[in-house]
Protein backbone atom coordinates (compact mmCIF):
# COMPACT_ATOMS: atom_id res chain seq x y z
CA MET A 1 133.04 -38.94 202.83
CA SER A 2 134.72 -36.20 200.81
CA GLY A 3 135.50 -36.89 197.17
CA THR A 4 137.83 -35.51 194.53
CA SER A 5 135.40 -32.73 193.68
CA LEU A 6 136.46 -31.04 196.94
CA ASP A 7 133.06 -29.45 197.36
CA GLY A 8 132.19 -30.66 200.84
CA ILE A 9 131.48 -33.60 203.12
CA ASP A 10 128.69 -36.04 202.33
CA LEU A 11 127.03 -37.97 205.16
CA ALA A 12 124.58 -40.84 204.85
CA MET A 13 122.98 -43.41 207.11
CA ILE A 14 121.92 -46.84 205.89
CA GLU A 15 120.75 -50.12 207.38
CA THR A 16 122.61 -53.03 205.82
CA ASP A 17 123.99 -56.50 206.35
CA GLY A 18 126.90 -55.68 204.04
CA GLU A 19 125.48 -58.04 201.43
CA GLU A 20 122.07 -57.85 199.75
CA ARG A 21 120.08 -55.78 202.25
CA VAL A 22 120.46 -52.01 201.87
CA VAL A 23 117.87 -49.64 203.35
CA PRO A 24 118.68 -45.94 202.76
CA GLY A 25 118.30 -43.52 205.65
CA PRO A 26 118.80 -39.76 206.00
CA SER A 27 121.67 -37.97 204.27
CA LEU A 28 123.29 -34.54 204.34
CA THR A 29 125.92 -32.54 202.49
CA ILE A 30 127.96 -29.86 204.23
CA SER A 31 129.75 -27.59 201.76
CA TYR A 32 133.27 -26.34 202.33
CA GLN A 33 133.86 -22.63 202.60
CA ALA A 34 135.94 -21.25 199.74
CA GLY A 35 139.04 -20.58 201.84
CA PHE A 36 139.02 -24.01 203.40
CA ARG A 37 138.59 -25.64 200.00
CA GLU A 38 141.65 -23.83 198.67
CA ARG A 39 143.70 -25.09 201.62
CA LEU A 40 142.70 -28.71 200.80
CA HIS A 41 143.88 -28.89 197.18
CA ARG A 42 146.51 -26.60 195.62
CA PRO A 43 146.93 -27.67 191.98
CA ALA A 44 150.10 -25.66 191.44
CA GLU A 45 151.76 -27.69 194.20
CA ARG A 46 150.15 -30.97 193.00
CA ARG A 47 148.94 -31.58 196.55
CA THR A 48 146.17 -33.97 197.49
CA TRP A 49 145.32 -35.01 201.03
CA GLN A 50 143.49 -37.99 202.42
CA LEU A 51 141.13 -36.68 205.08
CA GLY A 52 139.84 -38.55 208.11
CA ASP A 53 141.49 -39.73 211.33
CA GLY A 54 139.61 -42.87 212.36
CA ALA A 55 141.06 -43.05 215.86
CA LEU A 56 140.29 -39.40 216.60
CA LEU A 57 136.77 -39.68 215.18
CA ALA A 58 136.05 -42.70 217.35
CA GLN A 59 137.04 -40.80 220.47
CA LEU A 60 135.22 -37.59 219.56
CA LEU A 61 132.02 -39.32 218.45
CA ARG A 62 132.15 -42.07 221.10
CA ILE A 63 131.26 -44.70 218.53
CA ASP A 64 133.36 -47.26 216.68
CA VAL A 65 134.66 -46.04 213.32
CA VAL A 66 135.84 -47.86 210.19
CA ALA A 67 138.25 -45.86 208.04
CA ASP A 68 141.34 -46.24 205.83
CA PHE A 69 139.64 -48.38 203.20
CA ARG A 70 142.35 -48.15 200.54
CA THR A 71 145.60 -49.14 202.26
CA ALA A 72 145.04 -52.90 202.36
CA ASP A 73 144.16 -52.90 198.67
CA VAL A 74 147.25 -50.91 197.71
CA VAL A 75 149.57 -53.00 199.90
CA ALA A 76 148.26 -56.14 198.20
CA GLY A 77 149.00 -54.68 194.77
CA GLY A 78 145.72 -52.99 193.88
CA GLN A 79 145.20 -49.38 192.88
CA GLY A 80 142.95 -48.50 195.82
CA ALA A 81 140.08 -47.27 193.63
CA PRO A 82 137.29 -47.34 192.73
CA LEU A 83 135.69 -48.79 195.86
CA ALA A 84 131.95 -48.25 195.30
CA PRO A 85 131.31 -51.09 192.79
CA LEU A 86 130.27 -53.72 195.33
CA PHE A 87 127.69 -51.30 196.67
CA HIS A 88 126.53 -50.58 193.13
CA ALA A 89 126.06 -54.30 192.58
CA ALA A 90 124.04 -54.66 195.77
CA VAL A 91 121.60 -51.85 195.03
CA THR A 92 121.07 -52.87 191.39
CA ALA A 93 120.31 -56.51 192.15
CA ALA A 94 116.73 -56.21 190.86
CA LEU A 95 117.54 -54.18 187.71
CA PRO A 96 117.98 -55.69 184.23
CA LYS A 97 121.57 -56.45 183.27
CA PRO A 98 124.06 -55.63 181.92
CA LEU A 99 124.00 -52.05 183.18
CA ALA A 100 126.54 -49.32 183.75
CA ILE A 101 126.74 -46.83 186.58
CA VAL A 102 128.87 -43.77 185.91
CA ASN A 103 130.02 -41.67 188.83
CA ILE A 104 131.09 -38.21 187.72
CA GLY A 105 132.81 -36.50 190.60
CA GLY A 106 136.20 -34.84 190.33
CA VAL A 107 137.31 -37.99 188.50
CA ALA A 108 134.82 -40.11 186.56
CA ASN A 109 134.53 -43.86 186.98
CA VAL A 110 132.24 -46.57 185.73
CA THR A 111 130.90 -49.82 187.17
CA TRP A 112 129.70 -52.38 184.64
CA ILE A 113 127.50 -55.05 186.18
CA GLY A 114 126.59 -58.21 184.30
CA GLU A 115 124.51 -61.21 185.18
CA GLY A 116 125.41 -63.13 188.31
CA THR A 117 128.57 -61.87 189.99
CA GLU A 118 130.17 -60.15 186.98
CA ILE A 119 131.59 -56.74 187.90
CA LEU A 120 134.09 -54.55 186.08
CA ALA A 121 135.02 -51.09 187.35
CA PHE A 122 137.63 -48.47 186.54
CA ASP A 123 138.27 -44.76 186.25
CA THR A 124 137.34 -43.40 182.83
CA GLY A 125 139.05 -40.01 182.87
CA PRO A 126 138.48 -36.50 184.18
CA GLY A 127 135.08 -35.83 185.68
CA ASN A 128 134.22 -32.36 186.93
CA ALA A 129 137.66 -31.43 188.26
CA LEU A 130 139.09 -29.78 185.17
CA ILE A 131 135.78 -28.06 184.35
CA ASP A 132 135.52 -26.75 187.92
CA ASP A 133 139.09 -25.49 187.89
CA TRP A 134 138.48 -23.80 184.52
CA MET A 135 135.47 -21.99 185.94
CA ARG A 136 137.31 -20.97 189.08
CA GLN A 137 140.25 -19.66 187.05
CA HIS A 138 138.09 -17.56 184.73
CA THR A 139 135.14 -16.49 186.86
CA GLY A 140 135.79 -17.50 190.46
CA ALA A 141 132.77 -19.82 190.35
CA GLY A 142 133.18 -23.33 191.73
CA ALA A 143 131.41 -25.12 188.86
CA ASP A 144 129.70 -24.65 185.50
CA ILE A 145 126.19 -24.51 186.96
CA ASP A 146 123.65 -26.03 184.56
CA GLY A 147 126.39 -26.19 181.92
CA THR A 148 125.74 -22.55 181.05
CA ALA A 149 129.32 -21.79 179.98
CA ALA A 150 129.69 -25.00 177.97
CA ARG A 151 126.39 -24.44 176.17
CA ALA A 152 127.56 -21.00 175.09
CA GLY A 153 130.71 -22.43 173.51
CA HIS A 154 131.76 -24.94 170.87
CA PRO A 155 133.92 -27.96 171.69
CA SER A 156 137.20 -28.21 169.80
CA ALA A 157 137.29 -31.55 167.96
CA ALA A 158 141.07 -31.27 167.61
CA HIS A 159 141.58 -30.89 171.35
CA VAL A 160 139.24 -33.79 172.09
CA ALA A 161 141.06 -36.01 169.55
CA ARG A 162 144.45 -35.26 171.14
CA PHE A 163 142.95 -36.03 174.54
CA LEU A 164 141.65 -39.42 173.39
CA ALA A 165 145.08 -40.27 171.95
CA ALA A 166 146.54 -40.41 175.48
CA SER A 167 148.06 -43.76 176.44
CA PHE A 168 145.65 -44.06 179.39
CA PHE A 169 142.82 -44.96 177.04
CA GLU A 170 144.83 -47.81 175.52
CA ARG A 171 145.42 -49.44 178.91
CA PRO A 172 142.94 -52.20 179.75
CA PRO A 173 141.14 -51.93 183.09
CA PRO A 174 141.24 -51.93 185.98
CA LYS A 175 142.91 -48.53 186.08
CA SER A 176 142.61 -45.41 188.20
CA LEU A 177 143.46 -41.73 188.12
CA ASP A 178 144.26 -38.81 190.39
CA ARG A 179 142.32 -35.56 190.31
CA ASP A 180 145.22 -33.74 188.64
CA ASP A 181 145.92 -36.30 185.93
CA PHE A 182 145.27 -34.88 182.45
CA ARG A 183 145.88 -31.35 183.68
CA GLU A 184 148.26 -30.89 180.74
CA ILE A 185 145.35 -31.21 178.29
CA VAL A 186 143.55 -28.13 179.61
CA PRO A 187 143.17 -25.79 176.58
CA LYS A 188 145.35 -22.71 176.57
CA ASP A 189 144.28 -21.35 173.19
CA LEU A 190 140.49 -21.35 173.48
CA SER A 191 137.98 -18.81 174.67
CA PHE A 192 136.36 -19.21 178.07
CA GLU A 193 133.15 -20.66 176.61
CA ASP A 194 134.87 -22.91 174.06
CA GLY A 195 137.22 -24.20 176.76
CA ALA A 196 134.31 -25.10 179.01
CA ALA A 197 132.57 -26.84 176.12
CA THR A 198 135.74 -28.74 175.18
CA LEU A 199 136.46 -29.96 178.71
CA THR A 200 132.83 -31.07 179.04
CA GLU A 201 133.07 -32.99 175.76
CA MET A 202 136.31 -34.62 176.93
CA THR A 203 134.61 -36.00 180.02
CA ALA A 204 131.81 -37.46 177.91
CA ALA A 205 134.22 -38.84 175.32
CA ALA A 206 136.26 -40.59 178.00
CA VAL A 207 133.19 -42.32 179.41
CA ALA A 208 132.15 -43.44 175.94
CA ALA A 209 135.65 -44.80 175.31
CA ALA A 210 135.35 -46.89 178.46
CA ALA A 211 132.47 -48.87 176.96
CA HIS A 212 134.99 -50.49 174.60
CA TYR A 213 136.22 -52.60 177.52
CA PHE A 214 132.84 -53.89 178.66
CA PRO A 215 132.42 -57.66 178.24
CA ARG A 216 129.01 -56.96 176.71
CA PRO A 217 127.15 -53.73 175.86
CA SER A 218 125.24 -52.09 178.68
CA ARG A 219 121.45 -52.06 178.39
CA ARG A 220 121.18 -49.05 180.66
CA TRP A 221 123.35 -46.13 181.78
CA LEU A 222 122.80 -44.46 185.15
CA VAL A 223 124.76 -41.42 186.33
CA CYS A 224 125.56 -40.34 189.88
CA GLY A 225 127.87 -37.64 191.21
CA GLY A 226 127.72 -33.93 190.52
CA GLY A 227 128.07 -34.42 186.77
CA ARG A 228 124.50 -35.68 186.54
CA CYS A 229 123.34 -32.11 187.34
CA ASN A 230 125.05 -30.70 184.23
CA PRO A 231 122.55 -31.01 181.36
CA VAL A 232 125.18 -30.24 178.71
CA LEU A 233 127.38 -33.05 179.99
CA MET A 234 124.43 -35.44 180.14
CA GLU A 235 123.48 -34.56 176.54
CA ALA A 236 127.06 -35.09 175.40
CA LEU A 237 127.12 -38.48 177.14
CA GLY A 238 123.94 -39.53 175.38
CA GLN A 239 125.28 -38.45 172.00
CA ARG A 240 128.62 -40.18 172.50
CA LEU A 241 127.03 -43.40 173.74
CA GLY A 242 124.20 -43.36 171.25
CA THR A 243 121.64 -44.07 173.94
CA THR A 244 119.68 -42.43 176.72
CA VAL A 245 121.50 -41.78 179.98
CA ARG A 246 119.59 -41.08 183.18
CA PRO A 247 120.51 -39.74 186.61
CA VAL A 248 120.24 -42.37 189.34
CA GLU A 249 117.14 -40.63 190.64
CA ALA A 250 115.37 -42.37 187.72
CA VAL A 251 115.58 -45.62 189.68
CA GLY A 252 114.77 -44.03 193.03
CA TRP A 253 118.25 -43.36 194.39
CA ASP A 254 119.46 -40.18 196.09
CA GLY A 255 122.25 -39.10 193.77
CA GLU A 256 123.81 -36.83 196.37
CA ALA A 257 124.19 -39.68 198.86
CA VAL A 258 125.39 -42.64 196.76
CA GLU A 259 129.10 -42.36 197.51
CA ALA A 260 128.61 -41.83 201.24
CA GLN A 261 126.13 -44.73 201.33
CA ALA A 262 128.73 -46.86 199.54
CA PHE A 263 131.32 -46.29 202.25
CA ALA A 264 128.80 -47.02 204.99
CA TYR A 265 128.11 -50.30 203.20
CA LEU A 266 131.84 -51.01 202.93
CA ALA A 267 132.27 -50.32 206.65
CA VAL A 268 129.85 -53.13 207.48
CA ARG A 269 131.58 -55.44 205.01
CA SER A 270 134.91 -54.58 206.62
CA VAL A 271 133.66 -55.40 210.12
CA ARG A 272 132.28 -58.71 208.82
CA GLY A 273 135.51 -59.57 207.01
CA LEU A 274 133.84 -59.50 203.58
CA PRO A 275 135.72 -58.30 200.47
CA THR A 276 135.65 -54.57 199.81
CA SER A 277 137.56 -54.72 196.52
CA LEU A 278 138.04 -57.30 193.77
CA PRO A 279 140.57 -58.07 191.03
CA SER A 280 138.08 -56.70 188.50
CA THR A 281 137.57 -53.40 190.35
CA THR A 282 140.98 -52.26 191.63
CA GLY A 283 143.37 -54.80 190.11
CA VAL A 284 144.09 -56.37 193.48
CA PRO A 285 145.32 -59.99 192.97
CA TRP A 286 142.52 -61.50 195.08
CA PRO A 287 139.40 -60.24 196.89
CA ILE A 288 140.54 -58.01 199.75
CA SER A 289 138.73 -56.93 202.91
CA GLY A 290 139.98 -53.42 203.60
CA GLY A 291 139.26 -50.81 206.21
CA ARG A 292 140.50 -50.46 209.79
CA LEU A 293 138.25 -50.61 212.82
CA PHE A 294 138.90 -47.98 215.47
CA THR A 295 137.10 -48.72 218.71
CA VAL A 296 136.17 -46.39 221.52
CA SER A 297 138.53 -46.48 224.49
CA ARG A 298 136.54 -47.48 227.54
């Protein structure tokens, strides 16, 4: 799969029954070249593309392919995202609850998992997208590696307060965002370092604000996605939440592979006719089995 961070394609193999059994296999990330990345997402034109042609892939790979996971959810009235929560629930079955899994890709989202079958999931706000675009605009770099720019600056409390006053944070979940949402809050009157620090603080503040909607406080916070590699962002999360946050590697997961593993898991659920999204994850009115199966022409 390729997420909103637009950094490359993630591949993962798992063995699963689409329910409780999940055995991770090998994984791989193939980065996009800079020119190709620019062709995929042009912010000035507000363009975003859904990649992947299931029928073509099936013929080129000579194996059956499941793709197009979001359409059925959207047609039924859901928001089409986030889709990883059922996978999160499966791989955390043995962990103490309640717990929260934060995925910080281009957009950030959270999955809150309670006892039994309780799941709540929604997008929290910008993830790395605005930080990455800030870095690219000012330095040409694709990301704030190790949070170096943010650590050299000071977050603007006034900018963060205006950001948190947005109506999105008053809407109860489930709710979702596009990569370019909140682009209007990007600072125009701050230095390079202070802007990086402010955008990083905004991402952390949005995640902390999401905890307000949890049915009960989370006992543990785990972070996947590229944001877990930014120590300044992780520190800001811990300060905002008032607790320790850990990358998913702390419980033995491969943080680079989680999203790709999730879609492999959803593919098996789709083939078996099991739900891939729930009212409490995408706002769909009833559990929906999404995805389309493309078979190899014999």
